ModelCIF file with pLDDT and N, C-alpha, C, O atoms, coordinates in Angstrom:
data_MODEL
#
_entry.id   MODEL 
#
_entity.id                         1 
_entity.type                       polymer 
_entity.pdbx_number_of_molecules   1 
#
_entity_poly.entity_id                      1 
_entity_poly.type                           'polypeptide(L)' 
_entity_poly.nstd_linkage                   no 
_entity_poly.nstd_monomer                   no 
_entity_poly.pdbx_seq_one_letter_code       KTWAHVGLRDTMQIGRIRVHPQDPDHVYVAALGHTWGANAERGVFRS 
_entity_poly.pdbx_seq_one_letter_code_can   KTWAHVGLRDTMQIGRIRVHPQDPDHVYVAALGHTWGANAERGVFRS 
_entity_poly.pdbx_strand_id                 A 
#
loop_
_entity_poly_seq.entity_id 
_entity_poly_seq.num 
_entity_poly_seq.mon_id 
_entity_poly_seq.hetero 
1 1  LYS n 
1 2  THR n 
1 3  TRP n 
1 4  ALA n 
1 5  HIS n 
1 6  VAL n 
1 7  GLY n 
1 8  LEU n 
1 9  ARG n 
1 10 ASP n 
1 11 THR n 
1 12 MET n 
1 13 GLN n 
1 14 ILE n 
1 15 GLY n 
1 16 ARG n 
1 17 ILE n 
1 18 ARG n 
1 19 VAL n 
1 20 HIS n 
1 21 PRO n 
1 22 GLN n 
1 23 ASP n 
1 24 PRO n 
1 25 ASP n 
1 26 HIS n 
1 27 VAL n 
1 28 TYR n 
1 29 VAL n 
1 30 ALA n 
1 31 ALA n 
1 32 LEU n 
1 33 GLY n 
1 34 HIS n 
1 35 THR n 
1 36 TRP n 
1 37 GLY n 
1 38 ALA n 
1 39 ASN n 
1 40 ALA n 
1 41 GLU n 
1 42 ARG n 
1 43 GLY n 
1 44 VAL n 
1 45 PHE n 
1 46 ARG n 
1 47 SER n 
#
_struct_asym.id          A 
_struct_asym.entity_id   1 
#
loop_
_ma_qa_metric.id 
_ma_qa_metric.mode 
_ma_qa_metric.name 
_ma_qa_metric.software_group_id 
_ma_qa_metric.type 
1 global pLDDT . pLDDT 
2 local  pLDDT . pLDDT 
#
_ma_qa_metric_global.metric_id      1 
_ma_qa_metric_global.metric_value   97.74 
_ma_qa_metric_global.model_id       1 
_ma_qa_metric_global.ordinal_id     1 
#
loop_
_ma_qa_metric_local.label_asym_id 
_ma_qa_metric_local.label_comp_id 
_ma_qa_metric_local.label_seq_id 
_ma_qa_metric_local.metric_id 
_ma_qa_metric_local.metric_value 
_ma_qa_metric_local.model_id 
_ma_qa_metric_local.ordinal_id 
A LYS 1  2 98.00 1 1  
A THR 2  2 98.00 1 2  
A TRP 3  2 98.00 1 3  
A ALA 4  2 98.00 1 4  
A HIS 5  2 98.00 1 5  
A VAL 6  2 98.00 1 6  
A GLY 7  2 97.00 1 7  
A LEU 8  2 98.00 1 8  
A ARG 9  2 97.00 1 9  
A ASP 10 2 98.00 1 10 
A THR 11 2 98.00 1 11 
A MET 12 2 97.00 1 12 
A GLN 13 2 98.00 1 13 
A ILE 14 2 98.00 1 14 
A GLY 15 2 98.00 1 15 
A ARG 16 2 98.00 1 16 
A ILE 17 2 98.00 1 17 
A ARG 18 2 98.00 1 18 
A VAL 19 2 98.00 1 19 
A HIS 20 2 98.00 1 20 
A PRO 21 2 97.00 1 21 
A GLN 22 2 97.00 1 22 
A ASP 23 2 98.00 1 23 
A PRO 24 2 98.00 1 24 
A ASP 25 2 98.00 1 25 
A HIS 26 2 98.00 1 26 
A VAL 27 2 98.00 1 27 
A TYR 28 2 98.00 1 28 
A VAL 29 2 98.00 1 29 
A ALA 30 2 98.00 1 30 
A ALA 31 2 98.00 1 31 
A LEU 32 2 98.00 1 32 
A GLY 33 2 98.00 1 33 
A HIS 34 2 98.00 1 34 
A THR 35 2 97.00 1 35 
A TRP 36 2 97.00 1 36 
A GLY 37 2 96.00 1 37 
A ALA 38 2 97.00 1 38 
A ASN 39 2 97.00 1 39 
A ALA 40 2 97.00 1 40 
A GLU 41 2 98.00 1 41 
A ARG 42 2 98.00 1 42 
A GLY 43 2 98.00 1 43 
A VAL 44 2 98.00 1 44 
A PHE 45 2 98.00 1 45 
A ARG 46 2 98.00 1 46 
A SER 47 2 98.00 1 47 
#
loop_
_atom_site.group_PDB 
_atom_site.id 
_atom_site.type_symbol 
_atom_site.label_atom_id 
_atom_site.label_alt_id 
_atom_site.label_comp_id 
_atom_site.label_asym_id 
_atom_site.label_entity_id 
_atom_site.label_seq_id 
_atom_site.pdbx_PDB_ins_code 
_atom_site.Cartn_x 
_atom_site.Cartn_y 
_atom_site.Cartn_z 
_atom_site.occupancy 
_atom_site.B_iso_or_equiv 
_atom_site.pdbx_formal_charge 
_atom_site.auth_seq_id 
_atom_site.auth_comp_id 
_atom_site.auth_asym_id 
_atom_site.auth_atom_id 
_atom_site.pdbx_PDB_model_num 
ATOM 1   N N  . LYS A 1 1  ? 0.827  -1.206  0.000   1.00 98.00 ? 1  LYS A N  1 
ATOM 2   C CA . LYS A 1 1  ? 0.000  0.000   0.000   1.00 98.00 ? 1  LYS A CA 1 
ATOM 3   C C  . LYS A 1 1  ? 0.863  1.258   0.000   1.00 98.00 ? 1  LYS A C  1 
ATOM 4   O O  . LYS A 1 1  ? 0.594  2.202   -0.743  1.00 98.00 ? 1  LYS A O  1 
ATOM 5   N N  . THR A 1 2  ? 1.900  1.269   0.834   1.00 98.00 ? 2  THR A N  1 
ATOM 6   C CA . THR A 1 2  ? 2.794  2.417   0.907   1.00 98.00 ? 2  THR A CA 1 
ATOM 7   C C  . THR A 1 2  ? 4.232  1.938   0.795   1.00 98.00 ? 2  THR A C  1 
ATOM 8   O O  . THR A 1 2  ? 4.552  0.796   1.127   1.00 98.00 ? 2  THR A O  1 
ATOM 9   N N  . TRP A 1 3  ? 5.106  2.846   0.313   1.00 98.00 ? 3  TRP A N  1 
ATOM 10  C CA . TRP A 1 3  ? 6.490  2.483   0.048   1.00 98.00 ? 3  TRP A CA 1 
ATOM 11  C C  . TRP A 1 3  ? 7.437  3.555   0.578   1.00 98.00 ? 3  TRP A C  1 
ATOM 12  O O  . TRP A 1 3  ? 7.116  4.744   0.580   1.00 98.00 ? 3  TRP A O  1 
ATOM 13  N N  . ALA A 1 4  ? 8.613  3.110   1.028   1.00 98.00 ? 4  ALA A N  1 
ATOM 14  C CA . ALA A 1 4  ? 9.658  4.016   1.477   1.00 98.00 ? 4  ALA A CA 1 
ATOM 15  C C  . ALA A 1 4  ? 10.955 3.660   0.779   1.00 98.00 ? 4  ALA A C  1 
ATOM 16  O O  . ALA A 1 4  ? 11.298 2.485   0.651   1.00 98.00 ? 4  ALA A O  1 
ATOM 17  N N  . HIS A 1 5  ? 11.673 4.671   0.330   1.00 98.00 ? 5  HIS A N  1 
ATOM 18  C CA . HIS A 1 5  ? 12.979 4.441   -0.289  1.00 98.00 ? 5  HIS A CA 1 
ATOM 19  C C  . HIS A 1 5  ? 13.990 4.111   0.796   1.00 98.00 ? 5  HIS A C  1 
ATOM 20  O O  . HIS A 1 5  ? 14.092 4.822   1.795   1.00 98.00 ? 5  HIS A O  1 
ATOM 21  N N  . VAL A 1 6  ? 14.753 3.012   0.595   1.00 98.00 ? 6  VAL A N  1 
ATOM 22  C CA . VAL A 1 6  ? 15.682 2.557   1.637   1.00 98.00 ? 6  VAL A CA 1 
ATOM 23  C C  . VAL A 1 6  ? 17.119 2.454   1.133   1.00 98.00 ? 6  VAL A C  1 
ATOM 24  O O  . VAL A 1 6  ? 17.914 1.685   1.674   1.00 98.00 ? 6  VAL A O  1 
ATOM 25  N N  . GLY A 1 7  ? 17.453 3.225   0.099   1.00 97.00 ? 7  GLY A N  1 
ATOM 26  C CA . GLY A 1 7  ? 18.858 3.335   -0.248  1.00 97.00 ? 7  GLY A CA 1 
ATOM 27  C C  . GLY A 1 7  ? 19.281 2.669   -1.542  1.00 97.00 ? 7  GLY A C  1 
ATOM 28  O O  . GLY A 1 7  ? 18.456 2.216   -2.334  1.00 97.00 ? 7  GLY A O  1 
ATOM 29  N N  . LEU A 1 8  ? 20.611 2.623   -1.736  1.00 98.00 ? 8  LEU A N  1 
ATOM 30  C CA . LEU A 1 8  ? 21.277 2.064   -2.916  1.00 98.00 ? 8  LEU A CA 1 
ATOM 31  C C  . LEU A 1 8  ? 20.846 2.782   -4.190  1.00 98.00 ? 8  LEU A C  1 
ATOM 32  O O  . LEU A 1 8  ? 20.638 2.157   -5.230  1.00 98.00 ? 8  LEU A O  1 
ATOM 33  N N  . ARG A 1 9  ? 20.719 4.085   -4.095  1.00 97.00 ? 9  ARG A N  1 
ATOM 34  C CA . ARG A 1 9  ? 20.187 4.888   -5.194  1.00 97.00 ? 9  ARG A CA 1 
ATOM 35  C C  . ARG A 1 9  ? 21.015 4.768   -6.479  1.00 97.00 ? 9  ARG A C  1 
ATOM 36  O O  . ARG A 1 9  ? 20.461 4.792   -7.578  1.00 97.00 ? 9  ARG A O  1 
ATOM 37  N N  . ASP A 1 10 ? 22.337 4.640   -6.343  1.00 98.00 ? 10 ASP A N  1 
ATOM 38  C CA . ASP A 1 10 ? 23.200 4.673   -7.527  1.00 98.00 ? 10 ASP A CA 1 
ATOM 39  C C  . ASP A 1 10 ? 23.461 3.290   -8.120  1.00 98.00 ? 10 ASP A C  1 
ATOM 40  O O  . ASP A 1 10 ? 24.322 3.145   -8.988  1.00 98.00 ? 10 ASP A O  1 
ATOM 41  N N  . THR A 1 11 ? 22.729 2.273   -7.664  1.00 98.00 ? 11 THR A N  1 
ATOM 42  C CA . THR A 1 11 ? 22.907 0.935   -8.250  1.00 98.00 ? 11 THR A CA 1 
ATOM 43  C C  . THR A 1 11 ? 22.342 0.858   -9.660  1.00 98.00 ? 11 THR A C  1 
ATOM 44  O O  . THR A 1 11 ? 22.806 0.046   -10.460 1.00 98.00 ? 11 THR A O  1 
ATOM 45  N N  . MET A 1 12 ? 21.369 1.668   -9.979  1.00 97.00 ? 12 MET A N  1 
ATOM 46  C CA . MET A 1 12 ? 20.788 1.826   -11.319 1.00 97.00 ? 12 MET A CA 1 
ATOM 47  C C  . MET A 1 12 ? 20.009 0.606   -11.815 1.00 97.00 ? 12 MET A C  1 
ATOM 48  O O  . MET A 1 12 ? 18.828 0.721   -12.144 1.00 97.00 ? 12 MET A O  1 
ATOM 49  N N  . GLN A 1 13 ? 20.658 -0.565  -11.872 1.00 98.00 ? 13 GLN A N  1 
ATOM 50  C CA . GLN A 1 13 ? 19.968 -1.779  -12.354 1.00 98.00 ? 13 GLN A CA 1 
ATOM 51  C C  . GLN A 1 13 ? 20.134 -2.870  -11.292 1.00 98.00 ? 13 GLN A C  1 
ATOM 52  O O  . GLN A 1 13 ? 21.255 -3.165  -10.876 1.00 98.00 ? 13 GLN A O  1 
ATOM 53  N N  . ILE A 1 14 ? 19.017 -3.471  -10.850 1.00 98.00 ? 14 ILE A N  1 
ATOM 54  C CA . ILE A 1 14 ? 19.037 -4.502  -9.807  1.00 98.00 ? 14 ILE A CA 1 
ATOM 55  C C  . ILE A 1 14 ? 18.463 -5.791  -10.376 1.00 98.00 ? 14 ILE A C  1 
ATOM 56  O O  . ILE A 1 14 ? 17.375 -5.797  -10.951 1.00 98.00 ? 14 ILE A O  1 
ATOM 57  N N  . GLY A 1 15 ? 19.207 -6.890  -10.211 1.00 98.00 ? 15 GLY A N  1 
ATOM 58  C CA . GLY A 1 15 ? 18.815 -8.156  -10.804 1.00 98.00 ? 15 GLY A CA 1 
ATOM 59  C C  . GLY A 1 15 ? 18.024 -9.080  -9.898  1.00 98.00 ? 15 GLY A C  1 
ATOM 60  O O  . GLY A 1 15 ? 17.182 -9.839  -10.379 1.00 98.00 ? 15 GLY A O  1 
ATOM 61  N N  . ARG A 1 16 ? 18.278 -9.031  -8.583  1.00 98.00 ? 16 ARG A N  1 
ATOM 62  C CA . ARG A 1 16 ? 17.613 -9.983  -7.694  1.00 98.00 ? 16 ARG A CA 1 
ATOM 63  C C  . ARG A 1 16 ? 17.661 -9.485  -6.251  1.00 98.00 ? 16 ARG A C  1 
ATOM 64  O O  . ARG A 1 16 ? 18.614 -8.819  -5.846  1.00 98.00 ? 16 ARG A O  1 
ATOM 65  N N  . ILE A 1 17 ? 16.605 -9.821  -5.468  1.00 98.00 ? 17 ILE A N  1 
ATOM 66  C CA . ILE A 1 17 ? 16.570 -9.553  -4.032  1.00 98.00 ? 17 ILE A CA 1 
ATOM 67  C C  . ILE A 1 17 ? 16.173 -10.847 -3.326  1.00 98.00 ? 17 ILE A C  1 
ATOM 68  O O  . ILE A 1 17 ? 15.238 -11.530 -3.743  1.00 98.00 ? 17 ILE A O  1 
ATOM 69  N N  . ARG A 1 18 ? 16.890 -11.174 -2.258  1.00 98.00 ? 18 ARG A N  1 
ATOM 70  C CA . ARG A 1 18 ? 16.567 -12.347 -1.446  1.00 98.00 ? 18 ARG A CA 1 
ATOM 71  C C  . ARG A 1 18 ? 16.404 -11.912 0.008   1.00 98.00 ? 18 ARG A C  1 
ATOM 72  O O  . ARG A 1 18 ? 17.199 -11.127 0.525   1.00 98.00 ? 18 ARG A O  1 
ATOM 73  N N  . VAL A 1 19 ? 15.344 -12.441 0.672   1.00 98.00 ? 19 VAL A N  1 
ATOM 74  C CA . VAL A 1 19 ? 15.054 -12.111 2.067   1.00 98.00 ? 19 VAL A CA 1 
ATOM 75  C C  . VAL A 1 19 ? 15.232 -13.366 2.915   1.00 98.00 ? 19 VAL A C  1 
ATOM 76  O O  . VAL A 1 19 ? 14.826 -14.460 2.523   1.00 98.00 ? 19 VAL A O  1 
ATOM 77  N N  . HIS A 1 20 ? 15.839 -13.191 4.075   1.00 98.00 ? 20 HIS A N  1 
ATOM 78  C CA . HIS A 1 20 ? 16.045 -14.297 5.013   1.00 98.00 ? 20 HIS A CA 1 
ATOM 79  C C  . HIS A 1 20 ? 14.702 -14.926 5.364   1.00 98.00 ? 20 HIS A C  1 
ATOM 80  O O  . HIS A 1 20 ? 13.746 -14.195 5.623   1.00 98.00 ? 20 HIS A O  1 
ATOM 81  N N  . PRO A 1 21 ? 14.593 -16.252 5.383   1.00 97.00 ? 21 PRO A N  1 
ATOM 82  C CA . PRO A 1 21 ? 13.289 -16.901 5.602   1.00 97.00 ? 21 PRO A CA 1 
ATOM 83  C C  . PRO A 1 21 ? 12.691 -16.675 6.987   1.00 97.00 ? 21 PRO A C  1 
ATOM 84  O O  . PRO A 1 21 ? 11.480 -16.815 7.156   1.00 97.00 ? 21 PRO A O  1 
ATOM 85  N N  . GLN A 1 22 ? 13.514 -16.329 7.987   1.00 97.00 ? 22 GLN A N  1 
ATOM 86  C CA . GLN A 1 22 ? 12.994 -16.100 9.337   1.00 97.00 ? 22 GLN A CA 1 
ATOM 87  C C  . GLN A 1 22 ? 13.029 -14.635 9.774   1.00 97.00 ? 22 GLN A C  1 
ATOM 88  O O  . GLN A 1 22 ? 12.423 -14.292 10.789  1.00 97.00 ? 22 GLN A O  1 
ATOM 89  N N  . ASP A 1 23 ? 13.714 -13.772 9.044   1.00 98.00 ? 23 ASP A N  1 
ATOM 90  C CA . ASP A 1 23 ? 13.900 -12.390 9.472   1.00 98.00 ? 23 ASP A CA 1 
ATOM 91  C C  . ASP A 1 23 ? 13.602 -11.447 8.311   1.00 98.00 ? 23 ASP A C  1 
ATOM 92  O O  . ASP A 1 23 ? 14.409 -11.356 7.385   1.00 98.00 ? 23 ASP A O  1 
ATOM 93  N N  . PRO A 1 24 ? 12.476 -10.744 8.329   1.00 98.00 ? 24 PRO A N  1 
ATOM 94  C CA . PRO A 1 24 ? 12.116 -9.861  7.208   1.00 98.00 ? 24 PRO A CA 1 
ATOM 95  C C  . PRO A 1 24 ? 13.011 -8.632  7.084   1.00 98.00 ? 24 PRO A C  1 
ATOM 96  O O  . PRO A 1 24 ? 12.963 -7.940  6.067   1.00 98.00 ? 24 PRO A O  1 
ATOM 97  N N  . ASP A 1 25 ? 13.821 -8.351  8.092   1.00 98.00 ? 25 ASP A N  1 
ATOM 98  C CA . ASP A 1 25 ? 14.737 -7.215  8.016   1.00 98.00 ? 25 ASP A CA 1 
ATOM 99  C C  . ASP A 1 25 ? 16.104 -7.589  7.461   1.00 98.00 ? 25 ASP A C  1 
ATOM 100 O O  . ASP A 1 25 ? 16.937 -6.716  7.215   1.00 98.00 ? 25 ASP A O  1 
ATOM 101 N N  . HIS A 1 26 ? 16.335 -8.871  7.265   1.00 98.00 ? 26 HIS A N  1 
ATOM 102 C CA . HIS A 1 26 ? 17.632 -9.374  6.786   1.00 98.00 ? 26 HIS A CA 1 
ATOM 103 C C  . HIS A 1 26 ? 17.496 -9.625  5.282   1.00 98.00 ? 26 HIS A C  1 
ATOM 104 O O  . HIS A 1 26 ? 16.815 -10.566 4.872   1.00 98.00 ? 26 HIS A O  1 
ATOM 105 N N  . VAL A 1 27 ? 18.134 -8.797  4.463   1.00 98.00 ? 27 VAL A N  1 
ATOM 106 C CA . VAL A 1 27 ? 17.878 -8.825  3.028   1.00 98.00 ? 27 VAL A CA 1 
ATOM 107 C C  . VAL A 1 27 ? 19.173 -8.653  2.251   1.00 98.00 ? 27 VAL A C  1 
ATOM 108 O O  . VAL A 1 27 ? 20.098 -7.971  2.692   1.00 98.00 ? 27 VAL A O  1 
ATOM 109 N N  . TYR A 1 28 ? 19.220 -9.287  1.083   1.00 98.00 ? 28 TYR A N  1 
ATOM 110 C CA . TYR A 1 28 ? 20.377 -9.208  0.183   1.00 98.00 ? 28 TYR A CA 1 
ATOM 111 C C  . TYR A 1 28 ? 19.911 -8.666  -1.169  1.00 98.00 ? 28 TYR A C  1 
ATOM 112 O O  . TYR A 1 28 ? 18.808 -8.968  -1.626  1.00 98.00 ? 28 TYR A O  1 
ATOM 113 N N  . VAL A 1 29 ? 20.766 -7.862  -1.800  1.00 98.00 ? 29 VAL A N  1 
ATOM 114 C CA . VAL A 1 29 ? 20.461 -7.274  -3.098  1.00 98.00 ? 29 VAL A CA 1 
ATOM 115 C C  . VAL A 1 29 ? 21.604 -7.550  -4.063  1.00 98.00 ? 29 VAL A C  1 
ATOM 116 O O  . VAL A 1 29 ? 22.768 -7.305  -3.745  1.00 98.00 ? 29 VAL A O  1 
ATOM 117 N N  . ALA A 1 30 ? 21.264 -8.067  -5.254  1.00 98.00 ? 30 ALA A N  1 
ATOM 118 C CA . ALA A 1 30 ? 22.234 -8.241  -6.336  1.00 98.00 ? 30 ALA A CA 1 
ATOM 119 C C  . ALA A 1 30 ? 22.087 -7.065  -7.283  1.00 98.00 ? 30 ALA A C  1 
ATOM 120 O O  . ALA A 1 30 ? 21.095 -6.970  -8.007  1.00 98.00 ? 30 ALA A O  1 
ATOM 121 N N  . ALA A 1 31 ? 23.076 -6.157  -7.285  1.00 98.00 ? 31 ALA A N  1 
ATOM 122 C CA . ALA A 1 31 ? 23.006 -4.922  -8.067  1.00 98.00 ? 31 ALA A CA 1 
ATOM 123 C C  . ALA A 1 31 ? 23.980 -4.986  -9.228  1.00 98.00 ? 31 ALA A C  1 
ATOM 124 O O  . ALA A 1 31 ? 25.175 -5.212  -9.041  1.00 98.00 ? 31 ALA A O  1 
ATOM 125 N N  . LEU A 1 32 ? 23.457 -4.783  -10.431 1.00 98.00 ? 32 LEU A N  1 
ATOM 126 C CA . LEU A 1 32 ? 24.302 -4.812  -11.630 1.00 98.00 ? 32 LEU A CA 1 
ATOM 127 C C  . LEU A 1 32 ? 25.080 -3.520  -11.794 1.00 98.00 ? 32 LEU A C  1 
ATOM 128 O O  . LEU A 1 32 ? 26.206 -3.544  -12.292 1.00 98.00 ? 32 LEU A O  1 
ATOM 129 N N  . GLY A 1 33 ? 24.509 -2.388  -11.389 1.00 98.00 ? 33 GLY A N  1 
ATOM 130 C CA . GLY A 1 33 ? 25.192 -1.109  -11.532 1.00 98.00 ? 33 GLY A CA 1 
ATOM 131 C C  . GLY A 1 33 ? 24.837 -0.406  -12.822 1.00 98.00 ? 33 GLY A C  1 
ATOM 132 O O  . GLY A 1 33 ? 23.859 -0.748  -13.487 1.00 98.00 ? 33 GLY A O  1 
ATOM 133 N N  . HIS A 1 34 ? 25.646 0.585   -13.170 1.00 98.00 ? 34 HIS A N  1 
ATOM 134 C CA . HIS A 1 34 ? 25.385 1.401   -14.351 1.00 98.00 ? 34 HIS A CA 1 
ATOM 135 C C  . HIS A 1 34 ? 25.489 0.572   -15.635 1.00 98.00 ? 34 HIS A C  1 
ATOM 136 O O  . HIS A 1 34 ? 26.367 -0.280  -15.773 1.00 98.00 ? 34 HIS A O  1 
ATOM 137 N N  . THR A 1 35 ? 24.578 0.841   -16.563 1.00 97.00 ? 35 THR A N  1 
ATOM 138 C CA . THR A 1 35 ? 24.613 0.167   -17.861 1.00 97.00 ? 35 THR A CA 1 
ATOM 139 C C  . THR A 1 35 ? 25.667 0.770   -18.779 1.00 97.00 ? 35 THR A C  1 
ATOM 140 O O  . THR A 1 35 ? 26.294 0.049   -19.555 1.00 97.00 ? 35 THR A O  1 
ATOM 141 N N  . TRP A 1 36 ? 25.869 2.083   -18.701 1.00 97.00 ? 36 TRP A N  1 
ATOM 142 C CA . TRP A 1 36 ? 26.639 2.805   -19.715 1.00 97.00 ? 36 TRP A CA 1 
ATOM 143 C C  . TRP A 1 36 ? 28.062 3.142   -19.274 1.00 97.00 ? 36 TRP A C  1 
ATOM 144 O O  . TRP A 1 36 ? 28.813 3.754   -20.034 1.00 97.00 ? 36 TRP A O  1 
ATOM 145 N N  . GLY A 1 37 ? 28.438 2.755   -18.067 1.00 96.00 ? 37 GLY A N  1 
ATOM 146 C CA . GLY A 1 37 ? 29.786 3.057   -17.612 1.00 96.00 ? 37 GLY A CA 1 
ATOM 147 C C  . GLY A 1 37 ? 30.078 2.439   -16.268 1.00 96.00 ? 37 GLY A C  1 
ATOM 148 O O  . GLY A 1 37 ? 29.207 1.838   -15.640 1.00 96.00 ? 37 GLY A O  1 
ATOM 149 N N  . ALA A 1 38 ? 31.315 2.593   -15.829 1.00 97.00 ? 38 ALA A N  1 
ATOM 150 C CA . ALA A 1 38 ? 31.754 2.013   -14.571 1.00 97.00 ? 38 ALA A CA 1 
ATOM 151 C C  . ALA A 1 38 ? 31.202 2.806   -13.386 1.00 97.00 ? 38 ALA A C  1 
ATOM 152 O O  . ALA A 1 38 ? 31.015 4.019   -13.475 1.00 97.00 ? 38 ALA A O  1 
ATOM 153 N N  . ASN A 1 39 ? 30.945 2.109   -12.280 1.00 97.00 ? 39 ASN A N  1 
ATOM 154 C CA . ASN A 1 39 ? 30.598 2.772   -11.023 1.00 97.00 ? 39 ASN A CA 1 
ATOM 155 C C  . ASN A 1 39 ? 30.867 1.817   -9.866  1.00 97.00 ? 39 ASN A C  1 
ATOM 156 O O  . ASN A 1 39 ? 30.982 0.606   -10.060 1.00 97.00 ? 39 ASN A O  1 
ATOM 157 N N  . ALA A 1 40 ? 30.963 2.363   -8.684  1.00 97.00 ? 40 ALA A N  1 
ATOM 158 C CA . ALA A 1 40 ? 31.355 1.571   -7.515  1.00 97.00 ? 40 ALA A CA 1 
ATOM 159 C C  . ALA A 1 40 ? 30.181 0.948   -6.781  1.00 97.00 ? 40 ALA A C  1 
ATOM 160 O O  . ALA A 1 40 ? 30.351 -0.053  -6.085  1.00 97.00 ? 40 ALA A O  1 
ATOM 161 N N  . GLU A 1 41 ? 28.989 1.525   -6.924  1.00 98.00 ? 41 GLU A N  1 
ATOM 162 C CA . GLU A 1 41 ? 27.846 1.013   -6.169  1.00 98.00 ? 41 GLU A CA 1 
ATOM 163 C C  . GLU A 1 41 ? 27.189 -0.135  -6.931  1.00 98.00 ? 41 GLU A C  1 
ATOM 164 O O  . GLU A 1 41 ? 26.128 0.016   -7.536  1.00 98.00 ? 41 GLU A O  1 
ATOM 165 N N  . ARG A 1 42 ? 27.846 -1.263  -6.880  1.00 98.00 ? 42 ARG A N  1 
ATOM 166 C CA . ARG A 1 42 ? 27.363 -2.481  -7.532  1.00 98.00 ? 42 ARG A CA 1 
ATOM 167 C C  . ARG A 1 42 ? 27.938 -3.686  -6.807  1.00 98.00 ? 42 ARG A C  1 
ATOM 168 O O  . ARG A 1 42 ? 28.896 -3.566  -6.043  1.00 98.00 ? 42 ARG A O  1 
ATOM 169 N N  . GLY A 1 43 ? 27.339 -4.864  -7.055  1.00 98.00 ? 43 GLY A N  1 
ATOM 170 C CA . GLY A 1 43 ? 27.751 -6.082  -6.364  1.00 98.00 ? 43 GLY A CA 1 
ATOM 171 C C  . GLY A 1 43 ? 26.638 -6.591  -5.468  1.00 98.00 ? 43 GLY A C  1 
ATOM 172 O O  . GLY A 1 43 ? 25.468 -6.291  -5.706  1.00 98.00 ? 43 GLY A O  1 
ATOM 173 N N  . VAL A 1 44 ? 26.983 -7.359  -4.437  1.00 98.00 ? 44 VAL A N  1 
ATOM 174 C CA . VAL A 1 44 ? 26.008 -7.875  -3.485  1.00 98.00 ? 44 VAL A CA 1 
ATOM 175 C C  . VAL A 1 44 ? 26.011 -6.986  -2.238  1.00 98.00 ? 44 VAL A C  1 
ATOM 176 O O  . VAL A 1 44 ? 27.054 -6.744  -1.631  1.00 98.00 ? 44 VAL A O  1 
ATOM 177 N N  . PHE A 1 45 ? 24.829 -6.510  -1.875  1.00 98.00 ? 45 PHE A N  1 
ATOM 178 C CA . PHE A 1 45 ? 24.666 -5.689  -0.676  1.00 98.00 ? 45 PHE A CA 1 
ATOM 179 C C  . PHE A 1 45 ? 23.826 -6.438  0.353   1.00 98.00 ? 45 PHE A C  1 
ATOM 180 O O  . PHE A 1 45 ? 22.976 -7.255  -0.002  1.00 98.00 ? 45 PHE A O  1 
ATOM 181 N N  . ARG A 1 46 ? 24.073 -6.150  1.639   1.00 98.00 ? 46 ARG A N  1 
ATOM 182 C CA . ARG A 1 46 ? 23.364 -6.829  2.730   1.00 98.00 ? 46 ARG A CA 1 
ATOM 183 C C  . ARG A 1 46 ? 22.883 -5.804  3.747   1.00 98.00 ? 46 ARG A C  1 
ATOM 184 O O  . ARG A 1 46 ? 23.598 -4.866  4.099   1.00 98.00 ? 46 ARG A O  1 
ATOM 185 N N  . SER A 1 47 ? 21.649 -6.007  4.211   1.00 98.00 ? 47 SER A N  1 
ATOM 186 C CA . SER A 1 47 ? 21.107 -5.184  5.286   1.00 98.00 ? 47 SER A CA 1 
ATOM 187 C C  . SER A 1 47 ? 20.475 -6.093  6.329   1.00 98.00 ? 47 SER A C  1 
ATOM 188 O O  . SER A 1 47 ? 19.952 -5.610  7.333   1.00 98.00 ? 47 SER A O  1 
#
């Protein structure tokens, strides 16, 4: 119903998100990064 932005703004393209089966706050993000050039905010992120 409602949404809040929670970061990783410069990842640009995100391929997959996985959530821990017992903890809804434990989450992993697979970020591809910029399509048109190099950038540092890419890879696997964990919260």
